[in-house]
């Protein structure tokens, strides 16, 4: 897939996606973040490689939250890149910033972040 010119360019990507499997009609896909007991599998997810997936930059897309069920907002954090290595700083500073940003963007009163993960780009620095 070729890329288009301009701010709304689309690139062709390769992703691992959830395999279309009949088992998911009876059991939701899951991945446990702990070691289960009683011979329960840690995951029932089966992935497949999918090529030529169109990937767009959502930051410049014309999205309607009512139609697209997604909203892109900018969040300027007080944390530096290296600060995200500290779980304590992420929980005390960034998650509060994220909750405030979500409240403002959606107009909701309560926001609960019950699971989060920091992913570092190994090539940045």
PDB file of N, CA and C in Angstrom:
ATOM      1  N   UNK A   1       0.853  -1.162   0.000  1.00  0.00           N
ATOM      2  CA  UNK A   1       0.000   0.000   0.000  1.00  0.00           C
ATOM      3  C   UNK A   1       0.899   1.224   0.000  1.00  0.00           C
ATOM      4  N   UNK A   2       0.638   2.161  -0.851  1.00  0.00           N
ATOM      5  CA  UNK A   2       1.476   3.355  -0.924  1.00  0.00           C
ATOM      6  C   UNK A   2       0.947   4.410   0.020  1.00  0.00           C
ATOM      7  N   UNK A   3       1.816   5.363   0.314  1.00  0.00           N
ATOM      8  CA  UNK A   3       1.393   6.443   1.193  1.00  0.00           C
ATOM      9  C   UNK A   3       0.871   7.600   0.367  1.00  0.00           C
ATOM     10  N   UNK A   4      -0.094   8.292   0.918  1.00  0.00           N
ATOM     11  CA  UNK A   4      -0.656   9.461   0.254  1.00  0.00           C
ATOM     12  C   UNK A   4       0.062  10.706   0.757  1.00  0.00           C
ATOM     13  N   UNK A   5       0.085  11.730  -0.043  1.00  0.00           N
ATOM     14  CA  UNK A   5       0.723  12.980   0.371  1.00  0.00           C
ATOM     15  C   UNK A   5      -0.231  13.781   1.241  1.00  0.00           C
ATOM     16  N   UNK A   6       0.327  14.692   2.020  1.00  0.00           N
ATOM     17  CA  UNK A   6      -0.495  15.595   2.810  1.00  0.00           C
ATOM     18  C   UNK A   6      -0.602  15.168   4.253  1.00  0.00           C
ATOM     19  N   UNK A   7      -1.302  16.012   5.048  1.00  0.00           N
ATOM     20  CA  UNK A   7      -1.377  15.768   6.486  1.00  0.00           C
ATOM     21  C   UNK A   7      -2.193  14.535   6.861  1.00  0.00           C
ATOM     22  N   UNK A   8      -3.098  14.093   6.017  1.00  0.00           N
ATOM     23  CA  UNK A   8      -3.918  12.924   6.314  1.00  0.00           C
ATOM     24  C   UNK A   8      -3.411  11.681   5.598  1.00  0.00           C
ATOM     25  N   UNK A   9      -2.104  11.550   5.532  1.00  0.00           N
ATOM     26  CA  UNK A   9      -1.529  10.438   4.797  1.00  0.00           C
ATOM     27  C   UNK A   9      -1.913   9.096   5.419  1.00  0.00           C
ATOM     28  N   UNK A  10      -1.996   8.103   4.581  1.00  0.00           N
ATOM     29  CA  UNK A  10      -2.327   6.751   5.002  1.00  0.00           C
ATOM     30  C   UNK A  10      -1.168   5.850   4.624  1.00  0.00           C
ATOM     31  N   UNK A  11      -0.699   5.076   5.587  1.00  0.00           N
ATOM     32  CA  UNK A  11       0.390   4.148   5.348  1.00  0.00           C
ATOM     33  C   UNK A  11      -0.128   2.726   5.445  1.00  0.00           C
ATOM     34  N   UNK A  12       0.521   1.819   4.766  1.00  0.00           N
ATOM     35  CA  UNK A  12       0.186   0.409   4.874  1.00  0.00           C
ATOM     36  C   UNK A  12       0.995  -0.198   5.999  1.00  0.00           C
ATOM     37  N   UNK A  13       0.339  -0.899   6.890  1.00  0.00           N
ATOM     38  CA  UNK A  13       1.032  -1.471   8.025  1.00  0.00           C
ATOM     39  C   UNK A  13       0.795  -2.957   8.162  1.00  0.00           C
ATOM     40  N   UNK A  14       1.564  -3.547   9.037  1.00  0.00           N
ATOM     41  CA  UNK A  14       1.418  -4.959   9.369  1.00  0.00           C
ATOM     42  C   UNK A  14       1.078  -5.020  10.848  1.00  0.00           C
ATOM     43  N   UNK A  15       0.010  -5.731  11.180  1.00  0.00           N
ATOM     44  CA  UNK A  15      -0.394  -5.853  12.581  1.00  0.00           C
ATOM     45  C   UNK A  15      -0.720  -7.304  12.897  1.00  0.00           C
ATOM     46  N   UNK A  16      -0.600  -7.626  14.157  1.00  0.00           N
ATOM     47  CA  UNK A  16      -1.100  -8.899  14.644  1.00  0.00           C
ATOM     48  C   UNK A  16      -2.487  -8.633  15.192  1.00  0.00           C
ATOM     49  N   UNK A  17      -3.478  -9.320  14.673  1.00  0.00           N
ATOM     50  CA  UNK A  17      -4.864  -9.098  15.058  1.00  0.00           C
ATOM     51  C   UNK A  17      -5.455 -10.382  15.623  1.00  0.00           C
ATOM     52  N   UNK A  18      -6.516 -10.226  16.348  1.00  0.00           N
ATOM     53  CA  UNK A  18      -7.220 -11.364  16.908  1.00  0.00           C
ATOM     54  C   UNK A  18      -7.732 -12.254  15.773  1.00  0.00           C
ATOM     55  N   UNK A  19      -7.368 -13.523  15.821  1.00  0.00           N
ATOM     56  CA  UNK A  19      -7.805 -14.469  14.794  1.00  0.00           C
ATOM     57  C   UNK A  19      -9.320 -14.626  14.868  1.00  0.00           C
ATOM     58  N   UNK A  20      -9.966 -14.682  13.726  1.00  0.00           N
ATOM     59  CA  UNK A  20     -11.405 -14.912  13.661  1.00  0.00           C
ATOM     60  C   UNK A  20     -11.648 -16.386  13.970  1.00  0.00           C
ATOM     61  N   UNK A  21     -12.058 -16.664  15.199  1.00  0.00           N
ATOM     62  CA  UNK A  21     -12.176 -18.041  15.668  1.00  0.00           C
ATOM     63  C   UNK A  21     -13.541 -18.240  16.324  1.00  0.00           C
ATOM     64  N   UNK A  22     -14.193 -19.348  16.027  1.00  0.00           N
ATOM     65  CA  UNK A  22     -15.521 -19.632  16.570  1.00  0.00           C
ATOM     66  C   UNK A  22     -15.524 -19.731  18.083  1.00  0.00           C
ATOM     67  N   UNK A  23     -14.392 -20.011  18.698  1.00  0.00           N
ATOM     68  CA  UNK A  23     -14.342 -20.120  20.158  1.00  0.00           C
ATOM     69  C   UNK A  23     -14.771 -18.814  20.813  1.00  0.00           C
ATOM     70  N   UNK A  24     -14.546 -17.677  20.159  1.00  0.00           N
ATOM     71  CA  UNK A  24     -14.890 -16.383  20.733  1.00  0.00           C
ATOM     72  C   UNK A  24     -16.390 -16.109  20.717  1.00  0.00           C
ATOM     73  N   UNK A  25     -17.152 -16.936  20.042  1.00  0.00           N
ATOM     74  CA  UNK A  25     -18.610 -16.806  20.099  1.00  0.00           C
ATOM     75  C   UNK A  25     -19.139 -17.300  21.443  1.00  0.00           C
ATOM     76  N   UNK A  26     -18.391 -18.211  22.081  1.00  0.00           N
ATOM     77  CA  UNK A  26     -18.805 -18.773  23.363  1.00  0.00           C
ATOM     78  C   UNK A  26     -18.015 -18.195  24.531  1.00  0.00           C
ATOM     79  N   UNK A  27     -16.782 -17.774  24.270  1.00  0.00           N
ATOM     80  CA  UNK A  27     -15.907 -17.289  25.336  1.00  0.00           C
ATOM     81  C   UNK A  27     -15.195 -16.032  24.852  1.00  0.00           C
ATOM     82  N   UNK A  28     -15.307 -14.960  25.616  1.00  0.00           N
ATOM     83  CA  UNK A  28     -14.643 -13.714  25.228  1.00  0.00           C
ATOM     84  C   UNK A  28     -13.129 -13.899  25.264  1.00  0.00           C
ATOM     85  N   UNK A  29     -12.410 -13.223  24.353  1.00  0.00           N
ATOM     86  CA  UNK A  29     -10.958 -13.275  24.405  1.00  0.00           C
ATOM     87  C   UNK A  29     -10.456 -12.658  25.706  1.00  0.00           C
ATOM     88  N   UNK A  30      -9.452 -13.279  26.310  1.00  0.00           N
ATOM     89  CA  UNK A  30      -8.908 -12.736  27.551  1.00  0.00           C
ATOM     90  C   UNK A  30      -7.413 -12.998  27.630  1.00  0.00           C
ATOM     91  N   UNK A  31      -6.744 -12.166  28.419  1.00  0.00           N
ATOM     92  CA  UNK A  31      -5.324 -12.317  28.698  1.00  0.00           C
ATOM     93  C   UNK A  31      -5.124 -11.902  30.147  1.00  0.00           C
ATOM     94  N   UNK A  32      -4.819 -12.847  31.019  1.00  0.00           N
ATOM     95  CA  UNK A  32      -4.651 -12.572  32.437  1.00  0.00           C
ATOM     96  C   UNK A  32      -3.250 -12.029  32.691  1.00  0.00           C
ATOM     97  N   UNK A  33      -3.144 -11.002  33.498  1.00  0.00           N
ATOM     98  CA  UNK A  33      -1.853 -10.393  33.821  1.00  0.00           C
ATOM     99  C   UNK A  33      -1.289 -10.957  35.117  1.00  0.00           C
ATOM    100  N   UNK A  34      -1.653 -12.169  35.418  1.00  0.00           N
ATOM    101  CA  UNK A  34      -1.127 -12.875  36.588  1.00  0.00           C
ATOM    102  C   UNK A  34      -1.095 -14.357  36.235  1.00  0.00           C
ATOM    103  N   UNK A  35      -0.394 -15.137  37.023  1.00  0.00           N
ATOM    104  CA  UNK A  35      -0.324 -16.573  36.781  1.00  0.00           C
ATOM    105  C   UNK A  35      -1.555 -17.212  37.423  1.00  0.00           C
ATOM    106  N   UNK A  36      -2.449 -17.760  36.614  1.00  0.00           N
ATOM    107  CA  UNK A  36      -3.675 -18.332  37.167  1.00  0.00           C
ATOM    108  C   UNK A  36      -3.435 -19.687  37.834  1.00  0.00           C
ATOM    109  N   UNK A  37      -4.404 -20.082  38.628  1.00  0.00           N
ATOM    110  CA  UNK A  37      -4.353 -21.378  39.301  1.00  0.00           C
ATOM    111  C   UNK A  37      -5.396 -22.302  38.689  1.00  0.00           C
ATOM    112  N   UNK A  38      -5.362 -23.550  39.111  1.00  0.00           N
ATOM    113  CA  UNK A  38      -6.356 -24.553  38.692  1.00  0.00           C
ATOM    114  C   UNK A  38      -6.358 -24.800  37.190  1.00  0.00           C
ATOM    115  N   UNK A  39      -5.189 -24.823  36.577  1.00  0.00           N
ATOM    116  CA  UNK A  39      -5.048 -25.161  35.154  1.00  0.00           C
ATOM    117  C   UNK A  39      -5.859 -24.266  34.214  1.00  0.00           C
ATOM    118  N   UNK A  40      -6.078 -23.033  34.610  1.00  0.00           N
ATOM    119  CA  UNK A  40      -6.743 -22.073  33.732  1.00  0.00           C
ATOM    120  C   UNK A  40      -5.665 -21.482  32.827  1.00  0.00           C
ATOM    121  N   UNK A  41      -5.871 -21.478  31.514  1.00  0.00           N
ATOM    122  CA  UNK A  41      -4.866 -20.879  30.628  1.00  0.00           C
ATOM    123  C   UNK A  41      -4.728 -19.381  30.897  1.00  0.00           C
ATOM    124  N   UNK A  42      -3.523 -18.860  30.776  1.00  0.00           N
ATOM    125  CA  UNK A  42      -3.312 -17.439  31.007  1.00  0.00           C
ATOM    126  C   UNK A  42      -3.979 -16.593  29.916  1.00  0.00           C
ATOM    127  N   UNK A  43      -4.158 -17.170  28.746  1.00  0.00           N
ATOM    128  CA  UNK A  43      -4.838 -16.469  27.655  1.00  0.00           C
ATOM    129  C   UNK A  43      -5.528 -17.478  26.750  1.00  0.00           C
ATOM    130  N   UNK A  44      -6.557 -17.027  26.074  1.00  0.00           N
ATOM    131  CA  UNK A  44      -7.183 -17.846  25.034  1.00  0.00           C
ATOM    132  C   UNK A  44      -7.079 -17.146  23.685  1.00  0.00           C
ATOM    133  N   UNK A  45      -6.222 -16.138  23.628  1.00  0.00           N
ATOM    134  CA  UNK A  45      -6.108 -15.322  22.422  1.00  0.00           C
ATOM    135  C   UNK A  45      -5.189 -15.988  21.405  1.00  0.00           C
ATOM    136  N   UNK A  46      -5.664 -16.012  20.186  1.00  0.00           N
ATOM    137  CA  UNK A  46      -4.882 -16.492  19.052  1.00  0.00           C
ATOM    138  C   UNK A  46      -4.765 -15.343  18.053  1.00  0.00           C
ATOM    139  N   UNK A  47      -3.538 -14.998  17.693  1.00  0.00           N
ATOM    140  CA  UNK A  47      -3.307 -13.880  16.779  1.00  0.00           C
ATOM    141  C   UNK A  47      -2.997 -14.393  15.381  1.00  0.00           C
ATOM    142  N   UNK A  48      -3.227 -13.510  14.414  1.00  0.00           N
ATOM    143  CA  UNK A  48      -2.802 -13.780  13.047  1.00  0.00           C
ATOM    144  C   UNK A  48      -2.180 -12.509  12.477  1.00  0.00           C
ATOM    145  N   UNK A  49      -1.206 -12.690  11.607  1.00  0.00           N
ATOM    146  CA  UNK A  49      -0.542 -11.569  10.960  1.00  0.00           C
ATOM    147  C   UNK A  49      -1.425 -11.074   9.821  1.00  0.00           C
ATOM    148  N   UNK A  50      -1.719  -9.775   9.838  1.00  0.00           N
ATOM    149  CA  UNK A  50      -2.539  -9.171   8.791  1.00  0.00           C
ATOM    150  C   UNK A  50      -1.710  -8.084   8.120  1.00  0.00           C
ATOM    151  N   UNK A  51      -1.587  -8.167   6.815  1.00  0.00           N
ATOM    152  CA  UNK A  51      -0.750  -7.226   6.061  1.00  0.00           C
ATOM    153  C   UNK A  51      -1.609  -6.160   5.373  1.00  0.00           C
ATOM    154  N   UNK A  52      -0.966  -5.063   5.015  1.00  0.00           N
ATOM    155  CA  UNK A  52      -1.586  -3.958   4.269  1.00  0.00           C
ATOM    156  C   UNK A  52      -2.808  -3.366   4.973  1.00  0.00           C
ATOM    157  N   UNK A  53      -2.684  -3.183   6.266  1.00  0.00           N
ATOM    158  CA  UNK A  53      -3.726  -2.513   7.028  1.00  0.00           C
ATOM    159  C   UNK A  53      -3.527  -1.014   6.851  1.00  0.00           C
ATOM    160  N   UNK A  54      -4.560  -0.271   6.428  1.00  0.00           N
ATOM    161  CA  UNK A  54      -4.387   1.176   6.303  1.00  0.00           C
ATOM    162  C   UNK A  54      -4.271   1.817   7.680  1.00  0.00           C
ATOM    163  N   UNK A  55      -3.205   2.577   7.891  1.00  0.00           N
ATOM    164  CA  UNK A  55      -2.973   3.257   9.161  1.00  0.00           C
ATOM    165  C   UNK A  55      -2.935   4.749   8.887  1.00  0.00           C
ATOM    166  N   UNK A  56      -3.814   5.489   9.569  1.00  0.00           N
ATOM    167  CA  UNK A  56      -3.908   6.943   9.403  1.00  0.00           C
ATOM    168  C   UNK A  56      -3.468   7.645  10.674  1.00  0.00           C
ATOM    169  N   UNK A  57      -3.008   8.860  10.539  1.00  0.00           N
ATOM    170  CA  UNK A  57      -2.649   9.691  11.672  1.00  0.00           C
ATOM    171  C   UNK A  57      -3.933  10.324  12.203  1.00  0.00           C
ATOM    172  N   UNK A  58      -4.419   9.833  13.341  1.00  0.00           N
ATOM    173  CA  UNK A  58      -5.675  10.324  13.898  1.00  0.00           C
ATOM    174  C   UNK A  58      -5.589  11.768  14.378  1.00  0.00           C
ATOM    175  N   UNK A  59      -4.387  12.250  14.649  1.00  0.00           N
ATOM    176  CA  UNK A  59      -4.249  13.613  15.164  1.00  0.00           C
ATOM    177  C   UNK A  59      -4.740  14.647  14.162  1.00  0.00           C
ATOM    178  N   UNK A  60      -4.723  14.323  12.881  1.00  0.00           N
ATOM    179  CA  UNK A  60      -5.173  15.283  11.879  1.00  0.00           C
ATOM    180  C   UNK A  60      -6.485  14.853  11.220  1.00  0.00           C
ATOM    181  N   UNK A  61      -7.105  13.803  11.727  1.00  0.00           N
ATOM    182  CA  UNK A  61      -8.347  13.309  11.143  1.00  0.00           C
ATOM    183  C   UNK A  61      -9.533  14.148  11.607  1.00  0.00           C
ATOM    184  N   UNK A  62     -10.557  14.204  10.784  1.00  0.00           N
ATOM    185  CA  UNK A  62     -11.794  14.906  11.126  1.00  0.00           C
ATOM    186  C   UNK A  62     -12.729  13.899  11.791  1.00  0.00           C
ATOM    187  N   UNK A  63     -12.640  13.822  13.126  1.00  0.00           N
ATOM    188  CA  UNK A  63     -13.410  12.817  13.859  1.00  0.00           C
ATOM    189  C   UNK A  63     -14.600  13.445  14.565  1.00  0.00           C
ATOM    190  N   UNK A  64     -15.719  12.765  14.505  1.00  0.00           N
ATOM    191  CA  UNK A  64     -16.914  13.153  15.237  1.00  0.00           C
ATOM    192  C   UNK A  64     -17.115  12.104  16.330  1.00  0.00           C
ATOM    193  N   UNK A  65     -16.950  12.492  17.597  1.00  0.00           N
ATOM    194  CA  UNK A  65     -17.066  11.499  18.683  1.00  0.00           C
ATOM    195  C   UNK A  65     -18.392  10.738  18.677  1.00  0.00           C
ATOM    196  N   UNK A  66     -19.461  11.370  18.247  1.00  0.00           N
ATOM    197  CA  UNK A  66     -20.760  10.684  18.201  1.00  0.00           C
ATOM    198  C   UNK A  66     -20.805   9.628  17.101  1.00  0.00           C
ATOM    199  N   UNK A  67     -20.135   9.912  15.991  1.00  0.00           N
ATOM    200  CA  UNK A  67     -20.142   8.978  14.861  1.00  0.00           C
ATOM    201  C   UNK A  67     -19.019   7.957  14.956  1.00  0.00           C
ATOM    202  N   UNK A  68     -17.828   8.380  15.418  1.00  0.00           N
ATOM    203  CA  UNK A  68     -16.657   7.517  15.394  1.00  0.00           C
ATOM    204  C   UNK A  68     -16.344   6.848  16.724  1.00  0.00           C
ATOM    205  N   UNK A  69     -17.021   7.239  17.799  1.00  0.00           N
ATOM    206  CA  UNK A  69     -16.745   6.687  19.134  1.00  0.00           C
ATOM    207  C   UNK A  69     -15.293   6.858  19.545  1.00  0.00           C
ATOM    208  N   UNK A  70     -14.678   7.930  19.096  1.00  0.00           N
ATOM    209  CA  UNK A  70     -13.290   8.204  19.470  1.00  0.00           C
ATOM    210  C   UNK A  70     -13.087   9.716  19.454  1.00  0.00           C
ATOM    211  N   UNK A  71     -12.210  10.157  20.329  1.00  0.00           N
ATOM    212  CA  UNK A  71     -11.879  11.573  20.399  1.00  0.00           C
ATOM    213  C   UNK A  71     -10.374  11.665  20.640  1.00  0.00           C
ATOM    214  N   UNK A  72      -9.710  12.548  19.934  1.00  0.00           N
ATOM    215  CA  UNK A  72      -8.276  12.753  20.110  1.00  0.00           C
ATOM    216  C   UNK A  72      -8.092  14.122  20.758  1.00  0.00           C
ATOM    217  N   UNK A  73      -7.441  14.140  21.904  1.00  0.00           N
ATOM    218  CA  UNK A  73      -7.179  15.388  22.614  1.00  0.00           C
ATOM    219  C   UNK A  73      -5.692  15.459  22.943  1.00  0.00           C
ATOM    220  N   UNK A  74      -5.213  16.659  23.155  1.00  0.00           N
ATOM    221  CA  UNK A  74      -3.803  16.835  23.490  1.00  0.00           C
ATOM    222  C   UNK A  74      -3.658  16.930  25.001  1.00  0.00           C
ATOM    223  N   UNK A  75      -2.670  16.247  25.523  1.00  0.00           N
ATOM    224  CA  UNK A  75      -2.379  16.275  26.952  1.00  0.00           C
ATOM    225  C   UNK A  75      -0.907  16.609  27.135  1.00  0.00           C
ATOM    226  N   UNK A  76      -0.630  17.774  27.682  1.00  0.00           N
ATOM    227  CA  UNK A  76       0.738  18.174  27.991  1.00  0.00           C
ATOM    228  C   UNK A  76       1.015  17.773  29.437  1.00  0.00           C
ATOM    229  N   UNK A  77       1.879  16.798  29.633  1.00  0.00           N
ATOM    230  CA  UNK A  77       2.174  16.305  30.971  1.00  0.00           C
ATOM    231  C   UNK A  77       3.329  17.077  31.597  1.00  0.00           C
ATOM    232  N   UNK A  78       3.329  17.110  32.920  1.00  0.00           N
ATOM    233  CA  UNK A  78       4.440  17.693  33.663  1.00  0.00           C
ATOM    234  C   UNK A  78       5.626  16.730  33.707  1.00  0.00           C
ATOM    235  N   UNK A  79       5.399  15.470  33.356  1.00  0.00           N
ATOM    236  CA  UNK A  79       6.457  14.462  33.411  1.00  0.00           C
ATOM    237  C   UNK A  79       7.350  14.528  32.181  1.00  0.00           C
ATOM    238  N   UNK A  80       8.618  14.264  32.389  1.00  0.00           N
ATOM    239  CA  UNK A  80       9.549  14.132  31.269  1.00  0.00           C
ATOM    240  C   UNK A  80       9.499  12.679  30.776  1.00  0.00           C
ATOM    241  N   UNK A  81      10.135  12.434  29.655  1.00  0.00           N
ATOM    242  CA  UNK A  81      10.178  11.073  29.112  1.00  0.00           C
ATOM    243  C   UNK A  81      10.724  10.093  30.147  1.00  0.00           C
ATOM    244  N   UNK A  82      11.825  10.449  30.786  1.00  0.00           N
ATOM    245  CA  UNK A  82      12.458   9.566  31.770  1.00  0.00           C
ATOM    246  C   UNK A  82      11.602   9.364  33.013  1.00  0.00           C
ATOM    247  N   UNK A  83      10.758  10.332  33.358  1.00  0.00           N
ATOM    248  CA  UNK A  83       9.885  10.212  34.530  1.00  0.00           C
ATOM    249  C   UNK A  83       8.916   9.033  34.403  1.00  0.00           C
ATOM    250  N   UNK A  84       8.591   8.652  33.190  1.00  0.00           N
ATOM    251  CA  UNK A  84       7.626   7.566  32.997  1.00  0.00           C
ATOM    252  C   UNK A  84       8.190   6.206  33.415  1.00  0.00           C
ATOM    253  N   UNK A  85       9.477   6.138  33.707  1.00  0.00           N
ATOM    254  CA  UNK A  85      10.064   4.905  34.231  1.00  0.00           C
ATOM    255  C   UNK A  85       9.693   4.706  35.696  1.00  0.00           C
ATOM    256  N   UNK A  86       9.193   5.747  36.351  1.00  0.00           N
ATOM    257  CA  UNK A  86       8.799   5.673  37.757  1.00  0.00           C
ATOM    258  C   UNK A  86       7.303   5.413  37.867  1.00  0.00           C
ATOM    259  N   UNK A  87       6.953   4.222  38.325  1.00  0.00           N
ATOM    260  CA  UNK A  87       5.540   3.876  38.494  1.00  0.00           C
ATOM    261  C   UNK A  87       4.855   4.849  39.455  1.00  0.00           C
ATOM    262  N   UNK A  88       5.589   5.251  40.496  1.00  0.00           N
ATOM    263  CA  UNK A  88       5.029   6.177  41.485  1.00  0.00           C
ATOM    264  C   UNK A  88       4.678   7.528  40.854  1.00  0.00           C
ATOM    265  N   UNK A  89       5.597   8.079  40.035  1.00  0.00           N
ATOM    266  CA  UNK A  89       5.313   9.354  39.371  1.00  0.00           C
ATOM    267  C   UNK A  89       4.154   9.236  38.388  1.00  0.00           C
ATOM    268  N   UNK A  90       4.108   8.137  37.652  1.00  0.00           N
ATOM    269  CA  UNK A  90       3.018   7.940  36.703  1.00  0.00           C
ATOM    270  C   UNK A  90       1.685   7.932  37.443  1.00  0.00           C
ATOM    271  N   UNK A  91       1.626   7.187  38.545  1.00  0.00           N
ATOM    272  CA  UNK A  91       0.367   7.090  39.290  1.00  0.00           C
ATOM    273  C   UNK A  91      -0.009   8.419  39.949  1.00  0.00           C
ATOM    274  N   UNK A  92       0.963   9.127  40.516  1.00  0.00           N
ATOM    275  CA  UNK A  92       0.659  10.363  41.243  1.00  0.00           C
ATOM    276  C   UNK A  92       0.419  11.563  40.327  1.00  0.00           C
ATOM    277  N   UNK A  93       1.153  11.631  39.222  1.00  0.00           N
ATOM    278  CA  UNK A  93       1.074  12.820  38.369  1.00  0.00           C
ATOM    279  C   UNK A  93       0.305  12.543  37.076  1.00  0.00           C
ATOM    280  N   UNK A  94       0.806  11.603  36.275  1.00  0.00           N
ATOM    281  CA  UNK A  94       0.251  11.430  34.931  1.00  0.00           C
ATOM    282  C   UNK A  94      -1.187  10.918  34.939  1.00  0.00           C
ATOM    283  N   UNK A  95      -1.488   9.952  35.788  1.00  0.00           N
ATOM    284  CA  UNK A  95      -2.855   9.428  35.793  1.00  0.00           C
ATOM    285  C   UNK A  95      -3.857  10.489  36.247  1.00  0.00           C
ATOM    286  N   UNK A  96      -3.441  11.364  37.167  1.00  0.00           N
ATOM    287  CA  UNK A  96      -4.306  12.478  37.567  1.00  0.00           C
ATOM    288  C   UNK A  96      -4.507  13.431  36.378  1.00  0.00           C
ATOM    289  N   UNK A  97      -3.423  13.717  35.656  1.00  0.00           N
ATOM    290  CA  UNK A  97      -3.526  14.574  34.473  1.00  0.00           C
ATOM    291  C   UNK A  97      -4.450  13.943  33.428  1.00  0.00           C
ATOM    292  N   UNK A  98      -4.311  12.638  33.234  1.00  0.00           N
ATOM    293  CA  UNK A  98      -5.142  11.936  32.248  1.00  0.00           C
ATOM    294  C   UNK A  98      -6.616  11.976  32.656  1.00  0.00           C
ATOM    295  N   UNK A  99      -6.902  11.728  33.941  1.00  0.00           N
ATOM    296  CA  UNK A  99      -8.293  11.795  34.413  1.00  0.00           C
ATOM    297  C   UNK A  99      -8.876  13.185  34.199  1.00  0.00           C
ATOM    298  N   UNK A 100      -8.115  14.217  34.547  1.00  0.00           N
ATOM    299  CA  UNK A 100      -8.594  15.587  34.361  1.00  0.00           C
ATOM    300  C   UNK A 100      -8.848  15.897  32.890  1.00  0.00           C
ATOM    301  N   UNK A 101      -7.963  15.427  32.025  1.00  0.00           N
ATOM    302  CA  UNK A 101      -8.107  15.651  30.584  1.00  0.00           C
ATOM    303  C   UNK A 101      -9.362  14.950  30.050  1.00  0.00           C
ATOM    304  N   UNK A 102      -9.592  13.720  30.493  1.00  0.00           N
ATOM    305  CA  UNK A 102     -10.769  12.966  30.039  1.00  0.00           C
ATOM    306  C   UNK A 102     -12.045  13.622  30.551  1.00  0.00           C
ATOM    307  N   UNK A 103     -12.046  14.060  31.812  1.00  0.00           N
ATOM    308  CA  UNK A 103     -13.218  14.764  32.367  1.00  0.00           C
ATOM    309  C   UNK A 103     -13.554  16.000  31.534  1.00  0.00           C
ATOM    310  N   UNK A 104     -12.520  16.783  31.235  1.00  0.00           N
ATOM    311  CA  UNK A 104     -12.731  18.012  30.474  1.00  0.00           C
ATOM    312  C   UNK A 104     -13.236  17.712  29.064  1.00  0.00           C
ATOM    313  N   UNK A 105     -12.645  16.720  28.409  1.00  0.00           N
ATOM    314  CA  UNK A 105     -13.002  16.410  27.020  1.00  0.00           C
ATOM    315  C   UNK A 105     -14.396  15.814  26.890  1.00  0.00           C
ATOM    316  N   UNK A 106     -14.819  15.064  27.904  1.00  0.00           N
ATOM    317  CA  UNK A 106     -16.105  14.361  27.795  1.00  0.00           C
ATOM    318  C   UNK A 106     -17.222  14.980  28.621  1.00  0.00           C
ATOM    319  N   UNK A 107     -16.853  15.845  29.576  1.00  0.00           N
ATOM    320  CA  UNK A 107     -17.864  16.453  30.429  1.00  0.00           C
ATOM    321  C   UNK A 107     -18.377  15.527  31.517  1.00  0.00           C
ATOM    322  N   UNK A 108     -17.702  14.424  31.735  1.00  0.00           N
ATOM    323  CA  UNK A 108     -18.143  13.472  32.753  1.00  0.00           C
ATOM    324  C   UNK A 108     -17.635  13.906  34.125  1.00  0.00           C
ATOM    325  N   UNK A 109     -18.274  13.401  35.171  1.00  0.00           N
ATOM    326  CA  UNK A 109     -17.875  13.733  36.538  1.00  0.00           C
ATOM    327  C   UNK A 109     -16.803  12.793  37.073  1.00  0.00           C
ATOM    328  N   UNK A 110     -16.930  11.513  36.779  1.00  0.00           N
ATOM    329  CA  UNK A 110     -16.029  10.501  37.334  1.00  0.00           C
ATOM    330  C   UNK A 110     -15.279   9.776  36.228  1.00  0.00           C
ATOM    331  N   UNK A 111     -13.997   9.588  36.428  1.00  0.00           N
ATOM    332  CA  UNK A 111     -13.157   8.814  35.513  1.00  0.00           C
ATOM    333  C   UNK A 111     -12.336   7.858  36.355  1.00  0.00           C
ATOM    334  N   UNK A 112     -12.388   6.585  36.023  1.00  0.00           N
ATOM    335  CA  UNK A 112     -11.622   5.573  36.746  1.00  0.00           C
ATOM    336  C   UNK A 112     -10.650   4.916  35.784  1.00  0.00           C
ATOM    337  N   UNK A 113      -9.382   4.997  36.085  1.00  0.00           N
ATOM    338  CA  UNK A 113      -8.355   4.312  35.301  1.00  0.00           C
ATOM    339  C   UNK A 113      -7.979   3.077  36.103  1.00  0.00           C
ATOM    340  N   UNK A 114      -8.416   1.927  35.639  1.00  0.00           N
ATOM    341  CA  UNK A 114      -8.204   0.716  36.428  1.00  0.00           C
ATOM    342  C   UNK A 114      -7.049  -0.129  35.929  1.00  0.00           C
ATOM    343  N   UNK A 115      -6.513   0.195  34.765  1.00  0.00           N
ATOM    344  CA  UNK A 115      -5.359  -0.530  34.260  1.00  0.00           C
ATOM    345  C   UNK A 115      -4.594   0.390  33.328  1.00  0.00           C
ATOM    346  N   UNK A 116      -3.282   0.372  33.427  1.00  0.00           N
ATOM    347  CA  UNK A 116      -2.461   1.202  32.566  1.00  0.00           C
ATOM    348  C   UNK A 116      -1.118   0.530  32.369  1.00  0.00           C
ATOM    349  N   UNK A 117      -0.424   0.957  31.324  1.00  0.00           N
ATOM    350  CA  UNK A 117       0.885   0.394  31.019  1.00  0.00           C
ATOM    351  C   UNK A 117       1.693   1.439  30.266  1.00  0.00           C
ATOM    352  N   UNK A 118       2.954   1.582  30.607  1.00  0.00           N
ATOM    353  CA  UNK A 118       3.856   2.485  29.901  1.00  0.00           C
ATOM    354  C   UNK A 118       4.652   1.667  28.902  1.00  0.00           C
ATOM    355  N   UNK A 119       4.667   2.121  27.667  1.00  0.00           N
ATOM    356  CA  UNK A 119       5.453   1.467  26.630  1.00  0.00           C
ATOM    357  C   UNK A 119       6.533   2.432  26.180  1.00  0.00           C
ATOM    358  N   UNK A 120       7.772   2.015  26.292  1.00  0.00           N
ATOM    359  CA  UNK A 120       8.885   2.861  25.885  1.00  0.00           C
ATOM    360  C   UNK A 120       9.315   2.522  24.475  1.00  0.00           C
ATOM    361  N   UNK A 121       9.593   3.544  23.702  1.00  0.00           N
ATOM    362  CA  UNK A 121      10.148   3.365  22.366  1.00  0.00           C
ATOM    363  C   UNK A 121      11.653   3.233  22.531  1.00  0.00           C
ATOM    364  N   UNK A 122      12.171   2.051  22.254  1.00  0.00           N
ATOM    365  CA  UNK A 122      13.596   1.796  22.463  1.00  0.00           C
ATOM    366  C   UNK A 122      14.498   2.603  21.549  1.00  0.00           C
ATOM    367  N   UNK A 123      13.934   3.150  20.487  1.00  0.00           N
ATOM    368  CA  UNK A 123      14.761   3.878  19.518  1.00  0.00           C
ATOM    369  C   UNK A 123      14.829   5.365  19.831  1.00  0.00           C
ATOM    370  N   UNK A 124      14.030   5.838  20.791  1.00  0.00           N
ATOM    371  CA  UNK A 124      14.039   7.252  21.141  1.00  0.00           C
ATOM    372  C   UNK A 124      15.061   7.486  22.237  1.00  0.00           C
ATOM    373  N   UNK A 125      15.768   8.559  22.155  1.00  0.00           N
ATOM    374  CA  UNK A 125      16.693   9.029  23.178  1.00  0.00           C
ATOM    375  C   UNK A 125      17.781   9.827  22.555  1.00  0.00           C
TER     376      UNK A 125
END
